């Protein structure tokens, strides 16, 4: 296969992926607690280096030119989003580090989306998904629907002057290993042990999206230019191959 064509194709594929990631960030500019992603890449090594076969025949010049790029996963920002006040007593924002725990069949999920409400059974649930909110012992929190709760900076929930629960505000050992699993939540299974977070709970508020819309649009534009450049290179290599075939493929 034409090496230049292959390198150009990998450049186009990664540029298209960059567009998808940044477009998703922009689409979530109004999503409470959303954390933007940044795609990362790595250069692809020569085949004999990837396969750890140093004695395979190779071309030193082509190896020096490289073999394109591979996707290397996304890096999720942990930047604090703006705290936006509202009039909902069951809405909370986190000021500083930490995540709130919500129930899932595969274990607790972590989120910064503090838009909560009560379900028909009186359990505190996430308004956008209906998942139950967990306390520090990873148990669902049940409240009296007729009584407006007071939520302290440490997450203690009081009704009629009595503490009835405490939000599970936790941090993980390695936040960079959190993995998004949909519904604006993270899977903490690969991020190490959980511990109490140092952040503070703010009642009557939600954390806004951490996406900078101007930056997201600029990132989309840069990725689009990358797609165009790679597309032109693919066309150049295709034309070059056609000329080579038409020139050297003629029967004398």
C-alpha atoms as a PDB file:
ATOM      1  CA  UNK A   1       0.000   0.000   0.000  1.00  0.00           C
ATOM      2  CA  UNK A   2       1.168   3.556  -0.709  1.00  0.00           C
ATOM      3  CA  UNK A   3       2.801   4.703   2.548  1.00  0.00           C
ATOM      4  CA  UNK A   4       1.932   8.356   2.009  1.00  0.00           C
ATOM      5  CA  UNK A   5      -1.700   7.450   1.329  1.00  0.00           C
ATOM      6  CA  UNK A   6      -1.844   5.450   4.553  1.00  0.00           C
ATOM      7  CA  UNK A   7      -0.334   8.278   6.628  1.00  0.00           C
ATOM      8  CA  UNK A   8      -2.806  10.763   5.107  1.00  0.00           C
ATOM      9  CA  UNK A   9      -5.708   8.398   5.862  1.00  0.00           C
ATOM     10  CA  UNK A  10      -4.727   8.108   9.532  1.00  0.00           C
ATOM     11  CA  UNK A  11      -4.518  11.893   9.708  1.00  0.00           C
ATOM     12  CA  UNK A  12      -8.029  12.215   8.287  1.00  0.00           C
ATOM     13  CA  UNK A  13      -9.452   9.599  10.649  1.00  0.00           C
ATOM     14  CA  UNK A  14      -7.989  11.267  13.727  1.00  0.00           C
ATOM     15  CA  UNK A  15      -9.091  14.728  12.560  1.00  0.00           C
ATOM     16  CA  UNK A  16     -12.652  13.434  12.083  1.00  0.00           C
ATOM     17  CA  UNK A  17     -12.542  11.967  15.576  1.00  0.00           C
ATOM     18  CA  UNK A  18     -11.343  15.312  16.959  1.00  0.00           C
ATOM     19  CA  UNK A  19     -14.327  16.970  15.304  1.00  0.00           C
ATOM     20  CA  UNK A  20     -16.702  14.469  16.920  1.00  0.00           C
ATOM     21  CA  UNK A  21     -15.239  14.966  20.407  1.00  0.00           C
ATOM     22  CA  UNK A  22     -15.237  18.773  20.263  1.00  0.00           C
ATOM     23  CA  UNK A  23     -18.723  18.831  18.706  1.00  0.00           C
ATOM     24  CA  UNK A  24     -19.949  16.695  21.612  1.00  0.00           C
ATOM     25  CA  UNK A  25     -18.367  19.171  24.032  1.00  0.00           C
ATOM     26  CA  UNK A  26     -20.148  22.042  22.311  1.00  0.00           C
ATOM     27  CA  UNK A  27     -23.463  20.142  22.359  1.00  0.00           C
ATOM     28  CA  UNK A  28     -23.152  19.865  26.159  1.00  0.00           C
ATOM     29  CA  UNK A  29     -22.419  23.522  26.842  1.00  0.00           C
ATOM     30  CA  UNK A  30     -25.717  23.719  28.777  1.00  0.00           C
ATOM     31  CA  UNK A  31     -25.471  20.328  30.509  1.00  0.00           C
ATOM     32  CA  UNK A  32     -25.065  20.769  34.303  1.00  0.00           C
ATOM     33  CA  UNK A  33     -21.853  19.296  35.672  1.00  0.00           C
ATOM     34  CA  UNK A  34     -20.544  18.262  32.251  1.00  0.00           C
ATOM     35  CA  UNK A  35     -16.765  17.908  31.892  1.00  0.00           C
ATOM     36  CA  UNK A  36     -15.262  18.358  28.402  1.00  0.00           C
ATOM     37  CA  UNK A  37     -12.996  15.802  26.745  1.00  0.00           C
ATOM     38  CA  UNK A  38      -9.753  16.338  24.844  1.00  0.00           C
ATOM     39  CA  UNK A  39      -8.700  13.607  22.367  1.00  0.00           C
ATOM     40  CA  UNK A  40      -5.101  12.401  22.537  1.00  0.00           C
ATOM     41  CA  UNK A  41      -3.004  10.559  19.965  1.00  0.00           C
ATOM     42  CA  UNK A  42       0.299   8.772  19.587  1.00  0.00           C
ATOM     43  CA  UNK A  43       2.579   8.216  16.633  1.00  0.00           C
ATOM     44  CA  UNK A  44       2.446   4.757  15.114  1.00  0.00           C
ATOM     45  CA  UNK A  45       5.777   2.933  15.134  1.00  0.00           C
ATOM     46  CA  UNK A  46       7.101   0.879  12.240  1.00  0.00           C
ATOM     47  CA  UNK A  47       5.657  -2.638  11.893  1.00  0.00           C
ATOM     48  CA  UNK A  48       8.864  -4.352  13.003  1.00  0.00           C
ATOM     49  CA  UNK A  49       8.934  -2.156  16.132  1.00  0.00           C
ATOM     50  CA  UNK A  50       5.265  -2.756  16.928  1.00  0.00           C
ATOM     51  CA  UNK A  51       5.723  -6.513  16.514  1.00  0.00           C
ATOM     52  CA  UNK A  52       9.073  -6.523  18.325  1.00  0.00           C
ATOM     53  CA  UNK A  53      10.670  -8.202  15.329  1.00  0.00           C
ATOM     54  CA  UNK A  54      13.891  -6.256  14.674  1.00  0.00           C
ATOM     55  CA  UNK A  55      15.070  -8.673  11.971  1.00  0.00           C
ATOM     56  CA  UNK A  56      12.107  -8.118   9.633  1.00  0.00           C
ATOM     57  CA  UNK A  57      13.059  -6.457   6.318  1.00  0.00           C
ATOM     58  CA  UNK A  58      12.347  -2.761   6.394  1.00  0.00           C
ATOM     59  CA  UNK A  59      13.145   0.570   4.789  1.00  0.00           C
ATOM     60  CA  UNK A  60      14.992   3.048   7.009  1.00  0.00           C
ATOM     61  CA  UNK A  61      13.772   6.045   5.020  1.00  0.00           C
ATOM     62  CA  UNK A  62      10.112   5.031   5.340  1.00  0.00           C
ATOM     63  CA  UNK A  63      10.588   4.349   9.044  1.00  0.00           C
ATOM     64  CA  UNK A  64      11.989   7.870   9.457  1.00  0.00           C
ATOM     65  CA  UNK A  65       8.894   9.301   7.769  1.00  0.00           C
ATOM     66  CA  UNK A  66       6.671   7.590  10.338  1.00  0.00           C
ATOM     67  CA  UNK A  67       3.546   5.471  10.006  1.00  0.00           C
ATOM     68  CA  UNK A  68       0.790   7.911  10.889  1.00  0.00           C
ATOM     69  CA  UNK A  69      -1.024   8.306  14.196  1.00  0.00           C
ATOM     70  CA  UNK A  70      -3.247   6.186  16.446  1.00  0.00           C
ATOM     71  CA  UNK A  71      -5.985   7.265  18.823  1.00  0.00           C
ATOM     72  CA  UNK A  72      -4.800   7.226  22.428  1.00  0.00           C
ATOM     73  CA  UNK A  73      -8.039   7.822  24.327  1.00  0.00           C
ATOM     74  CA  UNK A  74      -9.640  10.983  25.684  1.00  0.00           C
ATOM     75  CA  UNK A  75      -8.503  13.102  28.582  1.00  0.00           C
ATOM     76  CA  UNK A  76     -11.388  14.493  30.637  1.00  0.00           C
ATOM     77  CA  UNK A  77     -11.034  17.919  32.211  1.00  0.00           C
ATOM     78  CA  UNK A  78     -11.762  18.306  35.925  1.00  0.00           C
ATOM     79  CA  UNK A  79     -12.182  22.087  35.672  1.00  0.00           C
ATOM     80  CA  UNK A  80     -14.796  23.577  37.990  1.00  0.00           C
ATOM     81  CA  UNK A  81     -17.903  24.732  36.158  1.00  0.00           C
ATOM     82  CA  UNK A  82     -19.744  27.926  37.144  1.00  0.00           C
ATOM     83  CA  UNK A  83     -22.086  27.620  40.125  1.00  0.00           C
ATOM     84  CA  UNK A  84     -25.568  28.771  39.148  1.00  0.00           C
ATOM     85  CA  UNK A  85     -28.130  29.598  41.840  1.00  0.00           C
ATOM     86  CA  UNK A  86     -31.764  28.535  41.606  1.00  0.00           C
ATOM     87  CA  UNK A  87     -34.816  28.137  43.851  1.00  0.00           C
ATOM     88  CA  UNK A  88     -34.850  24.325  44.088  1.00  0.00           C
ATOM     89  CA  UNK A  89     -34.058  23.036  47.622  1.00  0.00           C
ATOM     90  CA  UNK A  90     -33.034  19.632  46.246  1.00  0.00           C
ATOM     91  CA  UNK A  91     -30.521  21.083  43.787  1.00  0.00           C
ATOM     92  CA  UNK A  92     -26.902  21.052  44.912  1.00  0.00           C
ATOM     93  CA  UNK A  93     -23.566  22.053  43.421  1.00  0.00           C
ATOM     94  CA  UNK A  94     -20.078  21.016  44.457  1.00  0.00           C
ATOM     95  CA  UNK A  95     -17.627  23.819  45.132  1.00  0.00           C
ATOM     96  CA  UNK A  96     -14.161  22.317  44.794  1.00  0.00           C
ATOM     97  CA  UNK A  97     -13.189  18.684  44.351  1.00  0.00           C
ATOM     98  CA  UNK A  98     -15.381  15.625  44.620  1.00  0.00           C
ATOM     99  CA  UNK A  99     -18.281  13.742  43.091  1.00  0.00           C
ATOM    100  CA  UNK A 100     -21.736  12.678  44.205  1.00  0.00           C
ATOM    101  CA  UNK A 101     -22.606   8.974  44.147  1.00  0.00           C
ATOM    102  CA  UNK A 102     -25.635   7.590  42.329  1.00  0.00           C
ATOM    103  CA  UNK A 103     -26.934   4.028  42.202  1.00  0.00           C
ATOM    104  CA  UNK A 104     -26.233   1.663  39.310  1.00  0.00           C
ATOM    105  CA  UNK A 105     -26.588  -2.093  38.819  1.00  0.00           C
ATOM    106  CA  UNK A 106     -22.811  -2.379  38.300  1.00  0.00           C
ATOM    107  CA  UNK A 107     -21.842  -0.358  41.361  1.00  0.00           C
ATOM    108  CA  UNK A 108     -21.951   3.336  42.288  1.00  0.00           C
ATOM    109  CA  UNK A 109     -21.467   5.893  39.540  1.00  0.00           C
ATOM    110  CA  UNK A 110     -20.038   9.362  40.155  1.00  0.00           C
ATOM    111  CA  UNK A 111     -21.503  12.628  38.896  1.00  0.00           C
ATOM    112  CA  UNK A 112     -21.298  16.404  39.289  1.00  0.00           C
ATOM    113  CA  UNK A 113     -24.904  16.855  38.153  1.00  0.00           C
ATOM    114  CA  UNK A 114     -26.711  17.779  41.360  1.00  0.00           C
ATOM    115  CA  UNK A 115     -30.234  18.255  39.985  1.00  0.00           C
ATOM    116  CA  UNK A 116     -32.133  16.042  42.440  1.00  0.00           C
ATOM    117  CA  UNK A 117     -35.791  15.350  43.181  1.00  0.00           C
ATOM    118  CA  UNK A 118     -37.903  12.795  45.061  1.00  0.00           C
ATOM    119  CA  UNK A 119     -39.493   9.764  43.442  1.00  0.00           C
ATOM    120  CA  UNK A 120     -42.903   8.340  44.334  1.00  0.00           C
ATOM    121  CA  UNK A 121     -41.375   6.371  47.230  1.00  0.00           C
ATOM    122  CA  UNK A 122     -39.628   9.378  48.751  1.00  0.00           C
ATOM    123  CA  UNK A 123     -36.132   8.426  47.636  1.00  0.00           C
ATOM    124  CA  UNK A 124     -33.757  11.154  46.535  1.00  0.00           C
ATOM    125  CA  UNK A 125     -33.027  10.597  42.835  1.00  0.00           C
ATOM    126  CA  UNK A 126     -31.202  12.315  40.028  1.00  0.00           C
ATOM    127  CA  UNK A 127     -33.806  14.315  38.101  1.00  0.00           C
ATOM    128  CA  UNK A 128     -32.347  13.557  34.662  1.00  0.00           C
ATOM    129  CA  UNK A 129     -32.034   9.779  35.064  1.00  0.00           C
ATOM    130  CA  UNK A 130     -34.149   8.681  38.031  1.00  0.00           C
ATOM    131  CA  UNK A 131     -31.127   6.974  39.606  1.00  0.00           C
ATOM    132  CA  UNK A 132     -31.140   6.982  43.398  1.00  0.00           C
ATOM    133  CA  UNK A 133     -28.651   9.214  45.175  1.00  0.00           C
ATOM    134  CA  UNK A 134     -26.395   7.431  47.694  1.00  0.00           C
ATOM    135  CA  UNK A 135     -25.180   8.450  51.131  1.00  0.00           C
ATOM    136  CA  UNK A 136     -21.693   8.004  52.606  1.00  0.00           C
ATOM    137  CA  UNK A 137     -22.427   4.291  53.202  1.00  0.00           C
ATOM    138  CA  UNK A 138     -23.602   3.878  49.567  1.00  0.00           C
ATOM    139  CA  UNK A 139     -27.244   3.493  50.606  1.00  0.00           C
ATOM    140  CA  UNK A 140     -30.242   5.285  49.043  1.00  0.00           C
ATOM    141  CA  UNK A 141     -31.444   8.415  50.842  1.00  0.00           C
ATOM    142  CA  UNK A 142     -35.117   8.646  51.772  1.00  0.00           C
ATOM    143  CA  UNK A 143     -36.787  11.929  52.763  1.00  0.00           C
ATOM    144  CA  UNK A 144     -40.199  13.171  53.864  1.00  0.00           C
ATOM    145  CA  UNK A 145     -41.737  14.736  50.783  1.00  0.00           C
ATOM    146  CA  UNK A 146     -43.813  17.324  52.681  1.00  0.00           C
ATOM    147  CA  UNK A 147     -40.834  18.836  54.534  1.00  0.00           C
ATOM    148  CA  UNK A 148     -38.312  21.139  52.825  1.00  0.00           C
ATOM    149  CA  UNK A 149     -34.813  19.836  53.587  1.00  0.00           C
ATOM    150  CA  UNK A 150     -31.748  21.817  54.600  1.00  0.00           C
ATOM    151  CA  UNK A 151     -28.433  20.640  53.153  1.00  0.00           C
ATOM    152  CA  UNK A 152     -25.187  21.734  54.815  1.00  0.00           C
ATOM    153  CA  UNK A 153     -21.789  22.347  53.222  1.00  0.00           C
ATOM    154  CA  UNK A 154     -20.712  18.851  54.331  1.00  0.00           C
ATOM    155  CA  UNK A 155     -23.758  17.247  52.690  1.00  0.00           C
ATOM    156  CA  UNK A 156     -25.819  16.631  55.833  1.00  0.00           C
ATOM    157  CA  UNK A 157     -29.532  16.648  55.044  1.00  0.00           C
ATOM    158  CA  UNK A 158     -31.832  17.867  57.831  1.00  0.00           C
ATOM    159  CA  UNK A 159     -35.634  17.903  58.111  1.00  0.00           C
ATOM    160  CA  UNK A 160     -37.468  19.423  61.079  1.00  0.00           C
ATOM    161  CA  UNK A 161     -34.107  20.063  62.728  1.00  0.00           C
ATOM    162  CA  UNK A 162     -32.982  16.409  62.574  1.00  0.00           C
ATOM    163  CA  UNK A 163     -30.234  14.939  60.368  1.00  0.00           C
ATOM    164  CA  UNK A 164     -31.874  12.321  58.126  1.00  0.00           C
ATOM    165  CA  UNK A 165     -29.005  11.578  55.733  1.00  0.00           C
ATOM    166  CA  UNK A 166     -25.743  12.731  54.262  1.00  0.00           C
ATOM    167  CA  UNK A 167     -24.799  12.972  50.611  1.00  0.00           C
ATOM    168  CA  UNK A 168     -21.945  10.710  49.584  1.00  0.00           C
ATOM    169  CA  UNK A 169     -19.381  13.296  48.475  1.00  0.00           C
ATOM    170  CA  UNK A 170     -16.255  11.383  47.472  1.00  0.00           C
ATOM    171  CA  UNK A 171     -12.989  11.697  45.605  1.00  0.00           C
ATOM    172  CA  UNK A 172     -10.964   8.986  43.881  1.00  0.00           C
ATOM    173  CA  UNK A 173      -7.240   8.308  44.002  1.00  0.00           C
ATOM    174  CA  UNK A 174      -6.694   9.002  40.289  1.00  0.00           C
ATOM    175  CA  UNK A 175      -9.407  11.171  38.648  1.00  0.00           C
ATOM    176  CA  UNK A 176      -7.689  10.835  35.260  1.00  0.00           C
ATOM    177  CA  UNK A 177      -8.764   7.168  35.173  1.00  0.00           C
ATOM    178  CA  UNK A 178     -12.476   7.906  35.534  1.00  0.00           C
ATOM    179  CA  UNK A 179     -14.409   6.707  32.487  1.00  0.00           C
ATOM    180  CA  UNK A 180     -17.591   8.273  31.156  1.00  0.00           C
ATOM    181  CA  UNK A 181     -20.465   5.797  30.960  1.00  0.00           C
ATOM    182  CA  UNK A 182     -23.336   7.944  29.689  1.00  0.00           C
ATOM    183  CA  UNK A 183     -25.991   9.932  31.554  1.00  0.00           C
ATOM    184  CA  UNK A 184     -23.319  12.450  32.608  1.00  0.00           C
ATOM    185  CA  UNK A 185     -21.821   9.913  35.032  1.00  0.00           C
ATOM    186  CA  UNK A 186     -18.413   8.290  35.542  1.00  0.00           C
ATOM    187  CA  UNK A 187     -17.364   4.723  36.240  1.00  0.00           C
ATOM    188  CA  UNK A 188     -14.834   4.865  39.126  1.00  0.00           C
ATOM    189  CA  UNK A 189     -13.782   1.199  39.039  1.00  0.00           C
ATOM    190  CA  UNK A 190     -10.359   1.914  37.478  1.00  0.00           C
ATOM    191  CA  UNK A 191      -9.676   5.133  39.403  1.00  0.00           C
ATOM    192  CA  UNK A 192      -8.561   3.610  42.690  1.00  0.00           C
ATOM    193  CA  UNK A 193     -10.148   3.696  46.157  1.00  0.00           C
ATOM    194  CA  UNK A 194     -12.735   6.317  47.066  1.00  0.00           C
ATOM    195  CA  UNK A 195     -12.326   8.693  50.005  1.00  0.00           C
ATOM    196  CA  UNK A 196     -14.149  11.693  51.455  1.00  0.00           C
ATOM    197  CA  UNK A 197     -13.758  14.753  49.225  1.00  0.00           C
ATOM    198  CA  UNK A 198     -12.616  18.203  50.315  1.00  0.00           C
ATOM    199  CA  UNK A 199     -15.235  20.083  48.302  1.00  0.00           C
ATOM    200  CA  UNK A 200     -18.301  21.811  49.731  1.00  0.00           C
ATOM    201  CA  UNK A 201     -21.971  21.325  48.957  1.00  0.00           C
ATOM    202  CA  UNK A 202     -23.929  24.407  47.905  1.00  0.00           C
ATOM    203  CA  UNK A 203     -27.729  24.106  48.225  1.00  0.00           C
ATOM    204  CA  UNK A 204     -30.122  25.921  45.860  1.00  0.00           C
ATOM    205  CA  UNK A 205     -27.543  25.717  43.061  1.00  0.00           C
ATOM    206  CA  UNK A 206     -26.190  23.555  40.265  1.00  0.00           C
ATOM    207  CA  UNK A 207     -22.774  23.441  38.668  1.00  0.00           C
ATOM    208  CA  UNK A 208     -22.862  24.531  35.054  1.00  0.00           C
ATOM    209  CA  UNK A 209     -20.994  22.896  32.206  1.00  0.00           C
ATOM    210  CA  UNK A 210     -17.217  23.383  32.210  1.00  0.00           C
ATOM    211  CA  UNK A 211     -17.211  23.691  28.390  1.00  0.00           C
ATOM    212  CA  UNK A 212     -15.847  26.938  26.973  1.00  0.00           C
ATOM    213  CA  UNK A 213     -18.039  27.381  23.848  1.00  0.00           C
ATOM    214  CA  UNK A 214     -15.562  29.674  22.075  1.00  0.00           C
ATOM    215  CA  UNK A 215     -12.700  27.250  22.584  1.00  0.00           C
ATOM    216  CA  UNK A 216     -14.883  24.324  21.487  1.00  0.00           C
ATOM    217  CA  UNK A 217     -15.778  26.119  18.252  1.00  0.00           C
ATOM    218  CA  UNK A 218     -12.127  26.948  17.583  1.00  0.00           C
ATOM    219  CA  UNK A 219     -11.180  23.301  18.205  1.00  0.00           C
ATOM    220  CA  UNK A 220     -13.852  22.157  15.736  1.00  0.00           C
ATOM    221  CA  UNK A 221     -12.490  24.603  13.161  1.00  0.00           C
ATOM    222  CA  UNK A 222      -8.931  23.327  13.598  1.00  0.00           C
ATOM    223  CA  UNK A 223     -10.084  19.737  13.254  1.00  0.00           C
ATOM    224  CA  UNK A 224     -12.066  20.622  10.123  1.00  0.00           C
ATOM    225  CA  UNK A 225      -8.949  22.154   8.569  1.00  0.00           C
ATOM    226  CA  UNK A 226      -7.074  18.965   9.435  1.00  0.00           C
ATOM    227  CA  UNK A 227      -9.689  16.915   7.585  1.00  0.00           C
ATOM    228  CA  UNK A 228      -9.403  19.168   4.528  1.00  0.00           C
ATOM    229  CA  UNK A 229      -5.595  18.981   4.506  1.00  0.00           C
ATOM    230  CA  UNK A 230      -5.583  15.189   4.847  1.00  0.00           C
ATOM    231  CA  UNK A 231      -8.216  14.911   2.099  1.00  0.00           C
ATOM    232  CA  UNK A 232      -6.062  16.942  -0.281  1.00  0.00           C
ATOM    233  CA  UNK A 233      -3.043  14.768   0.504  1.00  0.00           C
ATOM    234  CA  UNK A 234      -5.061  11.632  -0.241  1.00  0.00           C
ATOM    235  CA  UNK A 235      -6.075  13.130  -3.599  1.00  0.00           C
ATOM    236  CA  UNK A 236      -2.455  14.015  -4.392  1.00  0.00           C
ATOM    237  CA  UNK A 237      -1.280  10.471  -3.668  1.00  0.00           C
ATOM    238  CA  UNK A 238      -4.139   9.016  -5.690  1.00  0.00           C
ATOM    239  CA  UNK A 239      -3.242  11.217  -8.666  1.00  0.00           C
ATOM    240  CA  UNK A 240       0.413  10.298  -8.292  1.00  0.00           C
ATOM    241  CA  UNK A 241      -0.400   6.576  -8.369  1.00  0.00           C
ATOM    242  CA  UNK A 242      -2.605   7.055 -11.451  1.00  0.00           C
ATOM    243  CA  UNK A 243       0.200   8.878 -13.241  1.00  0.00           C
ATOM    244  CA  UNK A 244       2.697   6.207 -12.249  1.00  0.00           C
ATOM    245  CA  UNK A 245       0.455   3.430 -13.552  1.00  0.00           C
ATOM    246  CA  UNK A 246      -0.344   5.249 -16.799  1.00  0.00           C
ATOM    247  CA  UNK A 247       3.327   6.040 -17.389  1.00  0.00           C
ATOM    248  CA  UNK A 248       5.093   2.831 -16.416  1.00  0.00           C
ATOM    249  CA  UNK A 249       2.184   0.499 -17.167  1.00  0.00           C
ATOM    250  CA  UNK A 250       2.221   1.207 -20.885  1.00  0.00           C
ATOM    251  CA  UNK A 251       3.327  -1.638 -23.082  1.00  0.00           C
ATOM    252  CA  UNK A 252       6.353  -0.540 -25.079  1.00  0.00           C
END
